[in-house]
Amino acid sequence: MPMYYFNLRDDETVKDVDGTELVDTDAARAHADIVSRELKFKNDEFLDERWSRWSMHVQDGEGLELFSFPMSSVNSNNGN
């Protein structure tokens, strides 16, 4: 299974050094959504900066950036 890396970026990059094995890019999108919601649900900020400054960048195992999105666009509630 391919590896995907979920990096957080503002003025610097916090790299996902472990990565996650997932079946395809659609699964990586779903995983990114879950991870970003969990991060925002637990805290209003990350490394002393508001989430509005951060973005998530997803790369494949070759280092190619597949997609990214601002963390400010993530709804932290689970919709229930």
C-alpha atoms as a PDB file:
ATOM      1  CA  MET A   1       0.000   0.000   0.000  1.00  0.00           C
ATOM      2  CA  PRO A   2       1.222   3.529  -0.733  1.00  0.00           C
ATOM      3  CA  MET A   3       2.492   5.833   1.996  1.00  0.00           C
ATOM      4  CA  TYR A   4       1.070   9.309   2.568  1.00  0.00           C
ATOM      5  CA  TYR A   5       2.517  12.092   4.703  1.00  0.00           C
ATOM      6  CA  PHE A   6       0.391  14.748   6.414  1.00  0.00           C
ATOM      7  CA  ASN A   7       2.553  17.818   7.031  1.00  0.00           C
ATOM      8  CA  LEU A   8       1.493  21.015   8.783  1.00  0.00           C
ATOM      9  CA  ARG A   9       2.876  24.312   7.527  1.00  0.00           C
ATOM     10  CA  ASP A  10       2.867  27.944   8.604  1.00  0.00           C
ATOM     11  CA  ASP A  11       6.179  29.856   8.472  1.00  0.00           C
ATOM     12  CA  GLU A  12       7.849  26.484   9.002  1.00  0.00           C
ATOM     13  CA  THR A  13       6.893  22.886   8.244  1.00  0.00           C
ATOM     14  CA  VAL A  14       6.090  20.239  10.838  1.00  0.00           C
ATOM     15  CA  LYS A  15       6.783  17.021   8.965  1.00  0.00           C
ATOM     16  CA  ASP A  16       4.909  13.788   9.398  1.00  0.00           C
ATOM     17  CA  VAL A  17       7.949  11.513   9.597  1.00  0.00           C
ATOM     18  CA  ASP A  18       5.981   8.286  10.080  1.00  0.00           C
ATOM     19  CA  GLY A  19       3.403   8.583   7.320  1.00  0.00           C
ATOM     20  CA  THR A  20       0.317   6.421   6.939  1.00  0.00           C
ATOM     21  CA  GLU A  21      -0.305   3.541   4.569  1.00  0.00           C
ATOM     22  CA  LEU A  22      -3.562   4.034   2.688  1.00  0.00           C
ATOM     23  CA  VAL A  23      -5.089   2.464  -0.403  1.00  0.00           C
ATOM     24  CA  ASP A  24      -5.282   5.595  -2.565  1.00  0.00           C
ATOM     25  CA  THR A  25      -5.502   9.379  -2.729  1.00  0.00           C
ATOM     26  CA  ASP A  26      -9.227   9.344  -1.884  1.00  0.00           C
ATOM     27  CA  ALA A  27      -8.422   7.495   1.337  1.00  0.00           C
ATOM     28  CA  ALA A  28      -5.662  10.051   2.022  1.00  0.00           C
ATOM     29  CA  ARG A  29      -8.206  12.887   1.624  1.00  0.00           C
ATOM     30  CA  ALA A  30     -10.573  11.200   4.060  1.00  0.00           C
ATOM     31  CA  HIS A  31      -7.722  10.607   6.521  1.00  0.00           C
ATOM     32  CA  ALA A  32      -6.561  14.242   6.227  1.00  0.00           C
ATOM     33  CA  ASP A  33     -10.100  15.393   7.001  1.00  0.00           C
ATOM     34  CA  ILE A  34     -10.302  13.209  10.115  1.00  0.00           C
ATOM     35  CA  VAL A  35      -6.843  14.183  11.372  1.00  0.00           C
ATOM     36  CA  SER A  36      -7.422  17.897  10.841  1.00  0.00           C
ATOM     37  CA  ARG A  37     -10.796  17.791  12.631  1.00  0.00           C
ATOM     38  CA  GLU A  38      -9.250  15.930  15.582  1.00  0.00           C
ATOM     39  CA  LEU A  39      -6.392  18.415  15.836  1.00  0.00           C
ATOM     40  CA  LYS A  40      -8.723  21.410  15.842  1.00  0.00           C
ATOM     41  CA  PHE A  41     -11.203  19.770  18.219  1.00  0.00           C
ATOM     42  CA  LYS A  42      -8.513  19.245  20.858  1.00  0.00           C
ATOM     43  CA  ASN A  43      -6.890  22.706  20.715  1.00  0.00           C
ATOM     44  CA  ASP A  44      -7.542  26.229  19.487  1.00  0.00           C
ATOM     45  CA  GLU A  45      -3.943  26.567  18.360  1.00  0.00           C
ATOM     46  CA  PHE A  46      -0.834  24.592  17.452  1.00  0.00           C
ATOM     47  CA  LEU A  47       2.700  25.491  18.592  1.00  0.00           C
ATOM     48  CA  ASP A  48       1.350  28.722  20.086  1.00  0.00           C
ATOM     49  CA  GLU A  49      -0.217  29.889  16.809  1.00  0.00           C
ATOM     50  CA  ARG A  50      -3.901  30.030  15.845  1.00  0.00           C
ATOM     51  CA  TRP A  51      -5.029  27.392  13.358  1.00  0.00           C
ATOM     52  CA  SER A  52      -5.783  30.151  10.837  1.00  0.00           C
ATOM     53  CA  ARG A  53      -2.037  30.394  10.196  1.00  0.00           C
ATOM     54  CA  TRP A  54      -1.617  26.689   9.419  1.00  0.00           C
ATOM     55  CA  SER A  55      -2.282  24.533   6.381  1.00  0.00           C
ATOM     56  CA  MET A  56      -2.097  20.783   5.821  1.00  0.00           C
ATOM     57  CA  HIS A  57      -0.039  19.503   2.884  1.00  0.00           C
ATOM     58  CA  VAL A  58      -0.330  15.866   1.868  1.00  0.00           C
ATOM     59  CA  GLN A  59       2.503  14.160   0.011  1.00  0.00           C
ATOM     60  CA  ASP A  60       2.890  10.710  -1.449  1.00  0.00           C
ATOM     61  CA  GLY A  61       5.826   8.424  -0.728  1.00  0.00           C
ATOM     62  CA  GLU A  62       7.854  10.065  -3.520  1.00  0.00           C
ATOM     63  CA  GLY A  63       7.483  13.515  -1.941  1.00  0.00           C
ATOM     64  CA  LEU A  64       4.978  14.806  -4.517  1.00  0.00           C
ATOM     65  CA  GLU A  65       2.430  17.153  -2.943  1.00  0.00           C
ATOM     66  CA  LEU A  66      -0.995  15.778  -3.843  1.00  0.00           C
ATOM     67  CA  PHE A  67      -3.212  18.382  -2.205  1.00  0.00           C
ATOM     68  CA  SER A  68      -3.321  20.947   0.561  1.00  0.00           C
ATOM     69  CA  PHE A  69      -5.888  23.014   2.414  1.00  0.00           C
ATOM     70  CA  PRO A  70      -5.928  25.764   5.029  1.00  0.00           C
ATOM     71  CA  MET A  71      -6.707  24.535   8.517  1.00  0.00           C
ATOM     72  CA  SER A  72      -9.062  27.510   8.868  1.00  0.00           C
ATOM     73  CA  SER A  73     -11.395  25.773   6.386  1.00  0.00           C
ATOM     74  CA  VAL A  74     -11.758  22.727   8.662  1.00  0.00           C
ATOM     75  CA  ASN A  75     -14.910  22.458  10.766  1.00  0.00           C
ATOM     76  CA  SER A  76     -13.824  21.028  14.124  1.00  0.00           C
ATOM     77  CA  ASN A  77     -17.197  19.634  15.178  1.00  0.00           C
ATOM     78  CA  ASN A  78     -18.256  16.196  14.051  1.00  0.00           C
ATOM     79  CA  GLY A  79     -21.632  17.283  12.682  1.00  0.00           C
ATOM     80  CA  ASN A  80     -23.640  15.437  15.322  1.00  0.00           C
END
